[in-house]
Amino acid sequence: MDELDEFDEELIDEEASAGDADDDGEPEDDDDDDDSAEFRAALLSKHEMIALISLRTAARGGRIVRVDPRQPLPAAKFYEDPAEALRWFRRSLATSRRNGWVVVYDGEPLFG
C-alpha cells in the first residue's frame, strides 16, 4: 500500500466547492483566534522536484496539507485529535524519506 492510499486525501478545491461546512452545516471558521495553534512545514526535494507537507494543530484538532508536484492539486486531511495529526505527519515524512525524498527544511513556516 503506498503513501497516497494511507493518507486518505481530500483535494483542496473539492473541499472549497463544498462550502467549507462541517457536519452540522455550519461554515468552519479557519480564522479563529486560537493562540495555541502550532504550525510546522517540511520542504522536500527529489530529482529537481520540490514538495511541501505542512501541519497545523490546535486544541480542537489538526490538519495536514500536502503539495506534491506529481499531483494536479494540493491535498488536505483533517484530524479530530492533534496527536493523531502529528503521528501521520511524522509517518508521511518517514515514508517520503524512504522513497528518496530529502528534507530540505523542517520547522515553523518562514515568512518574508
PDB file of N, CA and C in Angstrom:
ATOM      1  N   MET A   1       0.847  -1.169   0.000  1.00  0.00           N
ATOM      2  CA  MET A   1       0.000   0.000   0.000  1.00  0.00           C
ATOM      3  C   MET A   1       0.892   1.232   0.000  1.00  0.00           C
ATOM      4  N   ASP A   2       0.632   2.192  -0.896  1.00  0.00           N
ATOM      5  CA  ASP A   2       1.504   3.353  -0.942  1.00  0.00           C
ATOM      6  C   ASP A   2       0.976   4.485  -0.071  1.00  0.00           C
ATOM      7  N   GLU A   3       1.806   5.512   0.054  1.00  0.00           N
ATOM      8  CA  GLU A   3       1.512   6.619   0.950  1.00  0.00           C
ATOM      9  C   GLU A   3       0.211   7.326   0.577  1.00  0.00           C
ATOM     10  N   LEU A   4      -0.093   7.447  -0.709  1.00  0.00           N
ATOM     11  CA  LEU A   4      -1.313   8.133  -1.118  1.00  0.00           C
ATOM     12  C   LEU A   4      -2.547   7.405  -0.609  1.00  0.00           C
ATOM     13  N   ASP A   5      -2.543   6.065  -0.639  1.00  0.00           N
ATOM     14  CA  ASP A   5      -3.672   5.310  -0.133  1.00  0.00           C
ATOM     15  C   ASP A   5      -3.831   5.508   1.366  1.00  0.00           C
ATOM     16  N   GLU A   6      -2.718   5.521   2.100  1.00  0.00           N
ATOM     17  CA  GLU A   6      -2.762   5.660   3.546  1.00  0.00           C
ATOM     18  C   GLU A   6      -3.214   7.049   3.960  1.00  0.00           C
ATOM     19  N   PHE A   7      -2.883   8.044   3.181  1.00  0.00           N
ATOM     20  CA  PHE A   7      -3.171   9.429   3.545  1.00  0.00           C
ATOM     21  C   PHE A   7      -4.658   9.736   3.464  1.00  0.00           C
ATOM     22  N   ASP A   8      -5.415   8.981   2.660  1.00  0.00           N
ATOM     23  CA  ASP A   8      -6.850   9.182   2.531  1.00  0.00           C
ATOM     24  C   ASP A   8      -7.150  10.648   2.253  1.00  0.00           C
ATOM     25  N   GLU A   9      -6.510  11.135   1.187  1.00  0.00           N
ATOM     26  CA  GLU A   9      -6.513  12.564   0.953  1.00  0.00           C
ATOM     27  C   GLU A   9      -7.821  13.099   0.392  1.00  0.00           C
ATOM     28  N   GLU A  10      -8.015  14.367   0.634  1.00  0.00           N
ATOM     29  CA  GLU A  10      -9.124  15.116   0.072  1.00  0.00           C
ATOM     30  C   GLU A  10      -8.505  16.251  -0.724  1.00  0.00           C
ATOM     31  N   LEU A  11      -8.946  16.431  -1.949  1.00  0.00           N
ATOM     32  CA  LEU A  11      -8.395  17.509  -2.756  1.00  0.00           C
ATOM     33  C   LEU A  11      -8.917  18.844  -2.255  1.00  0.00           C
ATOM     34  N   ILE A  12      -8.042  19.809  -2.213  1.00  0.00           N
ATOM     35  CA  ILE A  12      -8.389  21.106  -1.635  1.00  0.00           C
ATOM     36  C   ILE A  12      -9.511  21.788  -2.393  1.00  0.00           C
ATOM     37  N   ASP A  13      -9.508  21.776  -3.728  1.00  0.00           N
ATOM     38  CA  ASP A  13     -10.544  22.529  -4.406  1.00  0.00           C
ATOM     39  C   ASP A  13     -11.895  21.851  -4.299  1.00  0.00           C
ATOM     40  N   GLU A  14     -11.963  20.550  -4.101  1.00  0.00           N
ATOM     41  CA  GLU A  14     -13.237  19.887  -3.850  1.00  0.00           C
ATOM     42  C   GLU A  14     -13.795  20.327  -2.508  1.00  0.00           C
ATOM     43  N   GLU A  15     -12.919  20.490  -1.525  1.00  0.00           N
ATOM     44  CA  GLU A  15     -13.336  20.931  -0.196  1.00  0.00           C
ATOM     45  C   GLU A  15     -13.883  22.350  -0.268  1.00  0.00           C
ATOM     46  N   ALA A  16     -13.227  23.224  -1.006  1.00  0.00           N
ATOM     47  CA  ALA A  16     -13.678  24.608  -1.122  1.00  0.00           C
ATOM     48  C   ALA A  16     -15.023  24.684  -1.821  1.00  0.00           C
ATOM     49  N   SER A  17     -15.258  23.824  -2.808  1.00  0.00           N
ATOM     50  CA  SER A  17     -16.531  23.863  -3.518  1.00  0.00           C
ATOM     51  C   SER A  17     -17.670  23.337  -2.652  1.00  0.00           C
ATOM     52  N   ALA A  18     -17.350  22.611  -1.593  1.00  0.00           N
ATOM     53  CA  ALA A  18     -18.382  22.102  -0.691  1.00  0.00           C
ATOM     54  C   ALA A  18     -18.838  23.170   0.291  1.00  0.00           C
ATOM     55  N   GLY A  19     -18.250  24.355   0.239  1.00  0.00           N
ATOM     56  CA  GLY A  19     -18.695  25.443   1.094  1.00  0.00           C
ATOM     57  C   GLY A  19     -18.021  25.483   2.449  1.00  0.00           C
ATOM     58  N   ASP A  20     -17.016  24.679   2.674  1.00  0.00           N
ATOM     59  CA  ASP A  20     -16.308  24.651   3.954  1.00  0.00           C
ATOM     60  C   ASP A  20     -17.261  24.538   5.132  1.00  0.00           C
ATOM     61  N   ALA A  21     -18.205  23.652   5.047  1.00  0.00           N
ATOM     62  CA  ALA A  21     -19.142  23.456   6.151  1.00  0.00           C
ATOM     63  C   ALA A  21     -18.783  22.189   6.890  1.00  0.00           C
ATOM     64  N   ASP A  22     -18.962  22.200   8.210  1.00  0.00           N
ATOM     65  CA  ASP A  22     -18.712  20.982   8.972  1.00  0.00           C
ATOM     66  C   ASP A  22     -19.998  20.156   9.026  1.00  0.00           C
ATOM     67  N   ASP A  23     -20.023  19.098   9.809  1.00  0.00           N
ATOM     68  CA  ASP A  23     -21.119  18.129   9.794  1.00  0.00           C
ATOM     69  C   ASP A  23     -22.483  18.718  10.108  1.00  0.00           C
ATOM     70  N   ASP A  24     -22.542  19.780  10.918  1.00  0.00           N
ATOM     71  CA  ASP A  24     -23.843  20.353  11.251  1.00  0.00           C
ATOM     72  C   ASP A  24     -24.278  21.440  10.273  1.00  0.00           C
ATOM     73  N   GLY A  25     -23.546  21.596   9.165  1.00  0.00           N
ATOM     74  CA  GLY A  25     -23.908  22.542   8.138  1.00  0.00           C
ATOM     75  C   GLY A  25     -23.385  23.943   8.380  1.00  0.00           C
ATOM     76  N   GLU A  26     -22.745  24.172   9.516  1.00  0.00           N
ATOM     77  CA  GLU A  26     -22.203  25.483   9.822  1.00  0.00           C
ATOM     78  C   GLU A  26     -20.848  25.635   9.137  1.00  0.00           C
ATOM     79  N   PRO A  27     -20.557  26.810   8.590  1.00  0.00           N
ATOM     80  CA  PRO A  27     -19.239  27.025   7.980  1.00  0.00           C
ATOM     81  C   PRO A  27     -18.140  26.938   9.029  1.00  0.00           C
ATOM     82  N   GLU A  28     -17.005  26.372   8.620  1.00  0.00           N
ATOM     83  CA  GLU A  28     -15.862  26.290   9.516  1.00  0.00           C
ATOM     84  C   GLU A  28     -15.193  27.643   9.587  1.00  0.00           C
ATOM     85  N   ASP A  29     -14.691  28.003  10.755  1.00  0.00           N
ATOM     86  CA  ASP A  29     -14.013  29.276  10.935  1.00  0.00           C
ATOM     87  C   ASP A  29     -12.526  29.007  11.052  1.00  0.00           C
ATOM     88  N   ASP A  30     -11.796  29.139   9.913  1.00  0.00           N
ATOM     89  CA  ASP A  30     -10.364  28.904   9.927  1.00  0.00           C
ATOM     90  C   ASP A  30      -9.596  30.058  10.544  1.00  0.00           C
ATOM     91  N   ASP A  31     -10.236  31.208  10.693  1.00  0.00           N
ATOM     92  CA  ASP A  31      -9.554  32.380  11.213  1.00  0.00           C
ATOM     93  C   ASP A  31      -9.820  32.595  12.694  1.00  0.00           C
ATOM     94  N   ASP A  32     -10.066  31.510  13.429  1.00  0.00           N
ATOM     95  CA  ASP A  32     -10.326  31.679  14.850  1.00  0.00           C
ATOM     96  C   ASP A  32      -9.065  32.166  15.546  1.00  0.00           C
ATOM     97  N   ASP A  33      -9.249  32.822  16.675  1.00  0.00           N
ATOM     98  CA  ASP A  33      -8.145  33.429  17.411  1.00  0.00           C
ATOM     99  C   ASP A  33      -7.506  32.447  18.368  1.00  0.00           C
ATOM    100  N   ASP A  34      -7.183  31.267  17.904  1.00  0.00           N
ATOM    101  CA  ASP A  34      -6.601  30.224  18.740  1.00  0.00           C
ATOM    102  C   ASP A  34      -5.094  30.432  18.827  1.00  0.00           C
ATOM    103  N   ASP A  35      -4.634  31.055  19.930  1.00  0.00           N
ATOM    104  CA  ASP A  35      -3.218  31.321  20.096  1.00  0.00           C
ATOM    105  C   ASP A  35      -2.419  30.055  20.352  1.00  0.00           C
ATOM    106  N   SER A  36      -3.081  28.953  20.672  1.00  0.00           N
ATOM    107  CA  SER A  36      -2.369  27.722  20.981  1.00  0.00           C
ATOM    108  C   SER A  36      -2.079  26.887  19.739  1.00  0.00           C
ATOM    109  N   ALA A  37      -2.460  27.377  18.558  1.00  0.00           N
ATOM    110  CA  ALA A  37      -2.202  26.632  17.326  1.00  0.00           C
ATOM    111  C   ALA A  37      -0.702  26.571  17.064  1.00  0.00           C
ATOM    112  N   GLU A  38      -0.257  25.408  16.592  1.00  0.00           N
ATOM    113  CA  GLU A  38       1.144  25.221  16.242  1.00  0.00           C
ATOM    114  C   GLU A  38       1.232  24.866  14.770  1.00  0.00           C
ATOM    115  N   PHE A  39       2.271  25.361  14.117  1.00  0.00           N
ATOM    116  CA  PHE A  39       2.470  25.126  12.701  1.00  0.00           C
ATOM    117  C   PHE A  39       3.831  24.484  12.473  1.00  0.00           C
ATOM    118  N   ARG A  40       3.892  23.639  11.467  1.00  0.00           N
ATOM    119  CA  ARG A  40       5.153  23.001  11.092  1.00  0.00           C
ATOM    120  C   ARG A  40       5.104  22.764   9.595  1.00  0.00           C
ATOM    121  N   ALA A  41       6.198  23.018   8.924  1.00  0.00           N
ATOM    122  CA  ALA A  41       6.267  22.817   7.484  1.00  0.00           C
ATOM    123  C   ALA A  41       7.543  22.051   7.152  1.00  0.00           C
ATOM    124  N   ALA A  42       7.434  21.128   6.214  1.00  0.00           N
ATOM    125  CA  ALA A  42       8.597  20.382   5.737  1.00  0.00           C
ATOM    126  C   ALA A  42       8.679  20.558   4.226  1.00  0.00           C
ATOM    127  N   LEU A  43       9.817  21.028   3.772  1.00  0.00           N
ATOM    128  CA  LEU A  43      10.090  21.192   2.351  1.00  0.00           C
ATOM    129  C   LEU A  43      10.991  20.043   1.934  1.00  0.00           C
ATOM    130  N   LEU A  44      10.581  19.327   0.888  1.00  0.00           N
ATOM    131  CA  LEU A  44      11.315  18.145   0.437  1.00  0.00           C
ATOM    132  C   LEU A  44      11.761  18.315  -1.007  1.00  0.00           C
ATOM    133  N   SER A  45      12.837  17.630  -1.365  1.00  0.00           N
ATOM    134  CA  SER A  45      13.380  17.706  -2.710  1.00  0.00           C
ATOM    135  C   SER A  45      13.731  16.312  -3.213  1.00  0.00           C
ATOM    136  N   LYS A  46      13.484  16.095  -4.523  1.00  0.00           N
ATOM    137  CA  LYS A  46      13.837  14.827  -5.152  1.00  0.00           C
ATOM    138  C   LYS A  46      13.851  15.021  -6.666  1.00  0.00           C
ATOM    139  N   HIS A  47      14.952  14.695  -7.314  1.00  0.00           N
ATOM    140  CA  HIS A  47      15.054  14.770  -8.775  1.00  0.00           C
ATOM    141  C   HIS A  47      14.521  16.097  -9.322  1.00  0.00           C
ATOM    142  N   GLU A  48      15.011  17.200  -8.802  1.00  0.00           N
ATOM    143  CA  GLU A  48      14.631  18.546  -9.237  1.00  0.00           C
ATOM    144  C   GLU A  48      13.150  18.867  -9.011  1.00  0.00           C
ATOM    145  N   MET A  49      12.476  18.111  -8.137  1.00  0.00           N
ATOM    146  CA  MET A  49      11.102  18.413  -7.744  1.00  0.00           C
ATOM    147  C   MET A  49      11.125  18.913  -6.309  1.00  0.00           C
ATOM    148  N   ILE A  50      10.162  19.754  -5.969  1.00  0.00           N
ATOM    149  CA  ILE A  50      10.015  20.244  -4.601  1.00  0.00           C
ATOM    150  C   ILE A  50       8.597  19.945  -4.140  1.00  0.00           C
ATOM    151  N   ALA A  51       8.468  19.436  -2.930  1.00  0.00           N
ATOM    152  CA  ALA A  51       7.164  19.130  -2.336  1.00  0.00           C
ATOM    153  C   ALA A  51       7.088  19.790  -0.964  1.00  0.00           C
ATOM    154  N   LEU A  52       5.876  19.944  -0.475  1.00  0.00           N
ATOM    155  CA  LEU A  52       5.656  20.567   0.823  1.00  0.00           C
ATOM    156  C   LEU A  52       4.639  19.749   1.604  1.00  0.00           C
ATOM    157  N   ILE A  53       4.944  19.513   2.872  1.00  0.00           N
ATOM    158  CA  ILE A  53       3.994  18.894   3.792  1.00  0.00           C
ATOM    159  C   ILE A  53       3.896  19.839   4.985  1.00  0.00           C
ATOM    160  N   SER A  54       2.680  20.263   5.322  1.00  0.00           N
ATOM    161  CA  SER A  54       2.528  21.173   6.456  1.00  0.00           C
ATOM    162  C   SER A  54       1.539  20.603   7.453  1.00  0.00           C
ATOM    163  N   LEU A  55       1.711  21.009   8.695  1.00  0.00           N
ATOM    164  CA  LEU A  55       0.885  20.541   9.794  1.00  0.00           C
ATOM    165  C   LEU A  55       0.443  21.741  10.620  1.00  0.00           C
ATOM    166  N   ARG A  56      -0.833  21.782  10.933  1.00  0.00           N
ATOM    167  CA  ARG A  56      -1.371  22.782  11.860  1.00  0.00           C
ATOM    168  C   ARG A  56      -2.149  22.008  12.921  1.00  0.00           C
ATOM    169  N   THR A  57      -1.785  22.207  14.176  1.00  0.00           N
ATOM    170  CA  THR A  57      -2.510  21.558  15.264  1.00  0.00           C
ATOM    171  C   THR A  57      -3.002  22.610  16.241  1.00  0.00           C
ATOM    172  N   ALA A  58      -4.139  22.336  16.826  1.00  0.00           N
ATOM    173  CA  ALA A  58      -4.733  23.182  17.858  1.00  0.00           C
ATOM    174  C   ALA A  58      -5.504  22.259  18.790  1.00  0.00           C
ATOM    175  N   ALA A  59      -6.098  22.809  19.806  1.00  0.00           N
ATOM    176  CA  ALA A  59      -6.823  22.000  20.785  1.00  0.00           C
ATOM    177  C   ALA A  59      -7.965  21.214  20.149  1.00  0.00           C
ATOM    178  N   ARG A  60      -8.574  21.759  19.115  1.00  0.00           N
ATOM    179  CA  ARG A  60      -9.729  21.087  18.509  1.00  0.00           C
ATOM    180  C   ARG A  60      -9.378  20.134  17.371  1.00  0.00           C
ATOM    181  N   GLY A  61      -8.083  19.966  17.056  1.00  0.00           N
ATOM    182  CA  GLY A  61      -7.707  19.002  16.035  1.00  0.00           C
ATOM    183  C   GLY A  61      -6.495  19.440  15.242  1.00  0.00           C
ATOM    184  N   GLY A  62      -6.303  18.785  14.108  1.00  0.00           N
ATOM    185  CA  GLY A  62      -5.148  19.091  13.280  1.00  0.00           C
ATOM    186  C   GLY A  62      -5.459  18.929  11.810  1.00  0.00           C
ATOM    187  N   ARG A  63      -4.590  19.500  10.990  1.00  0.00           N
ATOM    188  CA  ARG A  63      -4.751  19.410   9.540  1.00  0.00           C
ATOM    189  C   ARG A  63      -3.382  19.264   8.903  1.00  0.00           C
ATOM    190  N   ILE A  64      -3.277  18.309   7.991  1.00  0.00           N
ATOM    191  CA  ILE A  64      -2.070  18.129   7.196  1.00  0.00           C
ATOM    192  C   ILE A  64      -2.413  18.532   5.769  1.00  0.00           C
ATOM    193  N   VAL A  65      -1.556  19.359   5.185  1.00  0.00           N
ATOM    194  CA  VAL A  65      -1.715  19.751   3.785  1.00  0.00           C
ATOM    195  C   VAL A  65      -0.454  19.321   3.056  1.00  0.00           C
ATOM    196  N   ARG A  66      -0.644  18.704   1.905  1.00  0.00           N
ATOM    197  CA  ARG A  66       0.486  18.230   1.115  1.00  0.00           C
ATOM    198  C   ARG A  66       0.399  18.798  -0.292  1.00  0.00           C
ATOM    199  N   VAL A  67       1.515  19.371  -0.756  1.00  0.00           N
ATOM    200  CA  VAL A  67       1.637  19.840  -2.125  1.00  0.00           C
ATOM    201  C   VAL A  67       2.671  18.947  -2.787  1.00  0.00           C
ATOM    202  N   ASP A  68       2.209  18.122  -3.713  1.00  0.00           N
ATOM    203  CA  ASP A  68       3.046  17.152  -4.413  1.00  0.00           C
ATOM    204  C   ASP A  68       3.100  17.572  -5.882  1.00  0.00           C
ATOM    205  N   PRO A  69       4.299  17.775  -6.440  1.00  0.00           N
ATOM    206  CA  PRO A  69       4.393  18.239  -7.826  1.00  0.00           C
ATOM    207  C   PRO A  69       3.824  17.237  -8.832  1.00  0.00           C
ATOM    208  N   ARG A  70       3.641  15.998  -8.427  1.00  0.00           N
ATOM    209  CA  ARG A  70       3.105  14.982  -9.337  1.00  0.00           C
ATOM    210  C   ARG A  70       1.583  14.945  -9.329  1.00  0.00           C
ATOM    211  N   GLN A  71       0.958  15.710  -8.434  1.00  0.00           N
ATOM    212  CA  GLN A  71      -0.492  15.748  -8.328  1.00  0.00           C
ATOM    213  C   GLN A  71      -1.004  17.094  -8.837  1.00  0.00           C
ATOM    214  N   PRO A  72      -2.190  17.124  -9.441  1.00  0.00           N
ATOM    215  CA  PRO A  72      -2.691  18.388 -10.005  1.00  0.00           C
ATOM    216  C   PRO A  72      -3.110  19.420  -8.954  1.00  0.00           C
ATOM    217  N   LEU A  73      -3.510  18.977  -7.775  1.00  0.00           N
ATOM    218  CA  LEU A  73      -3.981  19.878  -6.725  1.00  0.00           C
ATOM    219  C   LEU A  73      -3.394  19.496  -5.376  1.00  0.00           C
ATOM    220  N   PRO A  74      -3.266  20.462  -4.464  1.00  0.00           N
ATOM    221  CA  PRO A  74      -2.855  20.122  -3.097  1.00  0.00           C
ATOM    222  C   PRO A  74      -3.914  19.239  -2.433  1.00  0.00           C
ATOM    223  N   ALA A  75      -3.500  18.499  -1.425  1.00  0.00           N
ATOM    224  CA  ALA A  75      -4.418  17.620  -0.694  1.00  0.00           C
ATOM    225  C   ALA A  75      -4.376  17.977   0.787  1.00  0.00           C
ATOM    226  N   ALA A  76      -5.521  17.828   1.461  1.00  0.00           N
ATOM    227  CA  ALA A  76      -5.602  18.118   2.889  1.00  0.00           C
ATOM    228  C   ALA A  76      -6.319  16.988   3.596  1.00  0.00           C
ATOM    229  N   LYS A  77      -5.938  16.757   4.826  1.00  0.00           N
ATOM    230  CA  LYS A  77      -6.589  15.756   5.667  1.00  0.00           C
ATOM    231  C   LYS A  77      -6.770  16.362   7.046  1.00  0.00           C
ATOM    232  N   PHE A  78      -7.987  16.255   7.586  1.00  0.00           N
ATOM    233  CA  PHE A  78      -8.325  16.798   8.886  1.00  0.00           C
ATOM    234  C   PHE A  78      -8.394  15.676   9.918  1.00  0.00           C
ATOM    235  N   TYR A  79      -7.961  15.971  11.142  1.00  0.00           N
ATOM    236  CA  TYR A  79      -7.975  15.016  12.245  1.00  0.00           C
ATOM    237  C   TYR A  79      -8.616  15.685  13.455  1.00  0.00           C
ATOM    238  N   GLU A  80      -9.456  14.954  14.162  1.00  0.00           N
ATOM    239  CA  GLU A  80     -10.061  15.490  15.379  1.00  0.00           C
ATOM    240  C   GLU A  80      -9.062  15.537  16.523  1.00  0.00           C
ATOM    241  N   ASP A  81      -8.081  14.645  16.510  1.00  0.00           N
ATOM    242  CA  ASP A  81      -7.072  14.551  17.567  1.00  0.00           C
ATOM    243  C   ASP A  81      -5.748  15.131  17.063  1.00  0.00           C
ATOM    244  N   PRO A  82      -5.225  16.191  17.690  1.00  0.00           N
ATOM    245  CA  PRO A  82      -3.963  16.761  17.232  1.00  0.00           C
ATOM    246  C   PRO A  82      -2.784  15.787  17.332  1.00  0.00           C
ATOM    247  N   ALA A  83      -2.814  14.892  18.303  1.00  0.00           N
ATOM    248  CA  ALA A  83      -1.740  13.901  18.428  1.00  0.00           C
ATOM    249  C   ALA A  83      -1.746  12.940  17.239  1.00  0.00           C
ATOM    250  N   GLU A  84      -2.937  12.586  16.769  1.00  0.00           N
ATOM    251  CA  GLU A  84      -3.036  11.716  15.600  1.00  0.00           C
ATOM    252  C   GLU A  84      -2.527  12.436  14.356  1.00  0.00           C
ATOM    253  N   ALA A  85      -2.823  13.732  14.233  1.00  0.00           N
ATOM    254  CA  ALA A  85      -2.325  14.517  13.091  1.00  0.00           C
ATOM    255  C   ALA A  85      -0.799  14.536  13.098  1.00  0.00           C
ATOM    256  N   LEU A  86      -0.201  14.747  14.266  1.00  0.00           N
ATOM    257  CA  LEU A  86       1.257  14.754  14.369  1.00  0.00           C
ATOM    258  C   LEU A  86       1.836  13.386  14.016  1.00  0.00           C
ATOM    259  N   ARG A  87       1.187  12.326  14.476  1.00  0.00           N
ATOM    260  CA  ARG A  87       1.659  10.967  14.165  1.00  0.00           C
ATOM    261  C   ARG A  87       1.650  10.735  12.656  1.00  0.00           C
ATOM    262  N   TRP A  88       0.584  11.137  11.947  1.00  0.00           N
ATOM    263  CA  TRP A  88       0.501  10.946  10.498  1.00  0.00           C
ATOM    264  C   TRP A  88       1.471  11.867   9.756  1.00  0.00           C
ATOM    265  N   PHE A  89       1.728  13.049  10.289  1.00  0.00           N
ATOM    266  CA  PHE A  89       2.716  13.945   9.693  1.00  0.00           C
ATOM    267  C   PHE A  89       4.097  13.291   9.731  1.00  0.00           C
ATOM    268  N   ARG A  90       4.460  12.777  10.899  1.00  0.00           N
ATOM    269  CA  ARG A  90       5.763  12.104  11.038  1.00  0.00           C
ATOM    270  C   ARG A  90       5.846  10.873  10.144  1.00  0.00           C
ATOM    271  N   ARG A  91       4.754  10.118  10.077  1.00  0.00           N
ATOM    272  CA  ARG A  91       4.723   8.917   9.237  1.00  0.00           C
ATOM    273  C   ARG A  91       4.880   9.286   7.760  1.00  0.00           C
ATOM    274  N   SER A  92       4.228  10.361   7.337  1.00  0.00           N
ATOM    275  CA  SER A  92       4.338  10.814   5.955  1.00  0.00           C
ATOM    276  C   SER A  92       5.772  11.246   5.633  1.00  0.00           C
ATOM    277  N   LEU A  93       6.413  11.962   6.566  1.00  0.00           N
ATOM    278  CA  LEU A  93       7.813  12.343   6.362  1.00  0.00           C
ATOM    279  C   LEU A  93       8.725  11.118   6.270  1.00  0.00           C
ATOM    280  N   ALA A  94       8.521  10.158   7.146  1.00  0.00           N
ATOM    281  CA  ALA A  94       9.348   8.945   7.131  1.00  0.00           C
ATOM    282  C   ALA A  94       9.163   8.183   5.819  1.00  0.00           C
ATOM    283  N   THR A  95       7.928   8.079   5.359  1.00  0.00           N
ATOM    284  CA  THR A  95       7.655   7.391   4.093  1.00  0.00           C
ATOM    285  C   THR A  95       8.319   8.133   2.933  1.00  0.00           C
ATOM    286  N   SER A  96       8.247   9.449   2.956  1.00  0.00           N
ATOM    287  CA  SER A  96       8.872  10.252   1.900  1.00  0.00           C
ATOM    288  C   SER A  96      10.381  10.029   1.875  1.00  0.00           C
ATOM    289  N   ARG A  97      11.010   9.998   3.048  1.00  0.00           N
ATOM    290  CA  ARG A  97      12.457   9.742   3.114  1.00  0.00           C
ATOM    291  C   ARG A  97      12.802   8.369   2.552  1.00  0.00           C
ATOM    292  N   ARG A  98      12.003   7.354   2.914  1.00  0.00           N
ATOM    293  CA  ARG A  98      12.248   6.007   2.384  1.00  0.00           C
ATOM    294  C   ARG A  98      12.091   5.971   0.870  1.00  0.00           C
ATOM    295  N   ASN A  99      11.254   6.862   0.328  1.00  0.00           N
ATOM    296  CA  ASN A  99      11.029   6.902  -1.116  1.00  0.00           C
ATOM    297  C   ASN A  99      12.007   7.822  -1.839  1.00  0.00           C
ATOM    298  N   GLY A 100      13.059   8.261  -1.144  1.00  0.00           N
ATOM    299  CA  GLY A 100      14.116   9.023  -1.793  1.00  0.00           C
ATOM    300  C   GLY A 100      14.022  10.530  -1.689  1.00  0.00           C
ATOM    301  N   TRP A 101      13.018  11.051  -1.010  1.00  0.00           N
ATOM    302  CA  TRP A 101      12.914  12.497  -0.828  1.00  0.00           C
ATOM    303  C   TRP A 101      13.904  12.942   0.242  1.00  0.00           C
ATOM    304  N   VAL A 102      14.499  14.115   0.059  1.00  0.00           N
ATOM    305  CA  VAL A 102      15.423  14.701   1.026  1.00  0.00           C
ATOM    306  C   VAL A 102      14.715  15.876   1.687  1.00  0.00           C
ATOM    307  N   VAL A 103      14.730  15.905   3.021  1.00  0.00           N
ATOM    308  CA  VAL A 103      14.106  17.004   3.750  1.00  0.00           C
ATOM    309  C   VAL A 103      15.071  18.183   3.728  1.00  0.00           C
ATOM    310  N   VAL A 104      14.658  19.266   3.060  1.00  0.00           N
ATOM    311  CA  VAL A 104      15.465  20.472   2.932  1.00  0.00           C
ATOM    312  C   VAL A 104      15.238  21.388   4.130  1.00  0.00           C
ATOM    313  N   TYR A 105      14.004  21.442   4.614  1.00  0.00           N
ATOM    314  CA  TYR A 105      13.654  22.284   5.758  1.00  0.00           C
ATOM    315  C   TYR A 105      12.536  21.606   6.529  1.00  0.00           C
ATOM    316  N   ASP A 106      12.601  21.644   7.854  1.00  0.00           N
ATOM    317  CA  ASP A 106      11.539  21.108   8.705  1.00  0.00           C
ATOM    318  C   ASP A 106      11.470  21.985   9.950  1.00  0.00           C
ATOM    319  N   GLY A 107      10.418  22.777  10.057  1.00  0.00           N
ATOM    320  CA  GLY A 107      10.267  23.655  11.198  1.00  0.00           C
ATOM    321  C   GLY A 107       9.069  24.576  11.015  1.00  0.00           C
ATOM    322  N   GLU A 108       9.076  25.697  11.730  1.00  0.00           N
ATOM    323  CA  GLU A 108       7.987  26.655  11.602  1.00  0.00           C
ATOM    324  C   GLU A 108       8.048  27.294  10.218  1.00  0.00           C
ATOM    325  N   PRO A 109       6.890  27.590   9.640  1.00  0.00           N
ATOM    326  CA  PRO A 109       6.891  28.252   8.335  1.00  0.00           C
ATOM    327  C   PRO A 109       7.625  29.589   8.409  1.00  0.00           C
ATOM    328  N   LEU A 110       8.372  29.894   7.357  1.00  0.00           N
ATOM    329  CA  LEU A 110       9.126  31.143   7.297  1.00  0.00           C
ATOM    330  C   LEU A 110       8.320  32.172   6.517  1.00  0.00           C
ATOM    331  N   PHE A 111       8.337  33.388   6.971  1.00  0.00           N
ATOM    332  CA  PHE A 111       7.619  34.462   6.301  1.00  0.00           C
ATOM    333  C   PHE A 111       8.629  35.559   5.920  1.00  0.00           C
ATOM    334  N   GLY A 112       8.446  36.133   4.740  1.00  0.00           N
ATOM    335  CA  GLY A 112       9.268  37.273   4.356  1.00  0.00           C
ATOM    336  C   GLY A 112      10.307  37.016   3.375  1.00  0.00           C
TER     337      GLY A 112
END
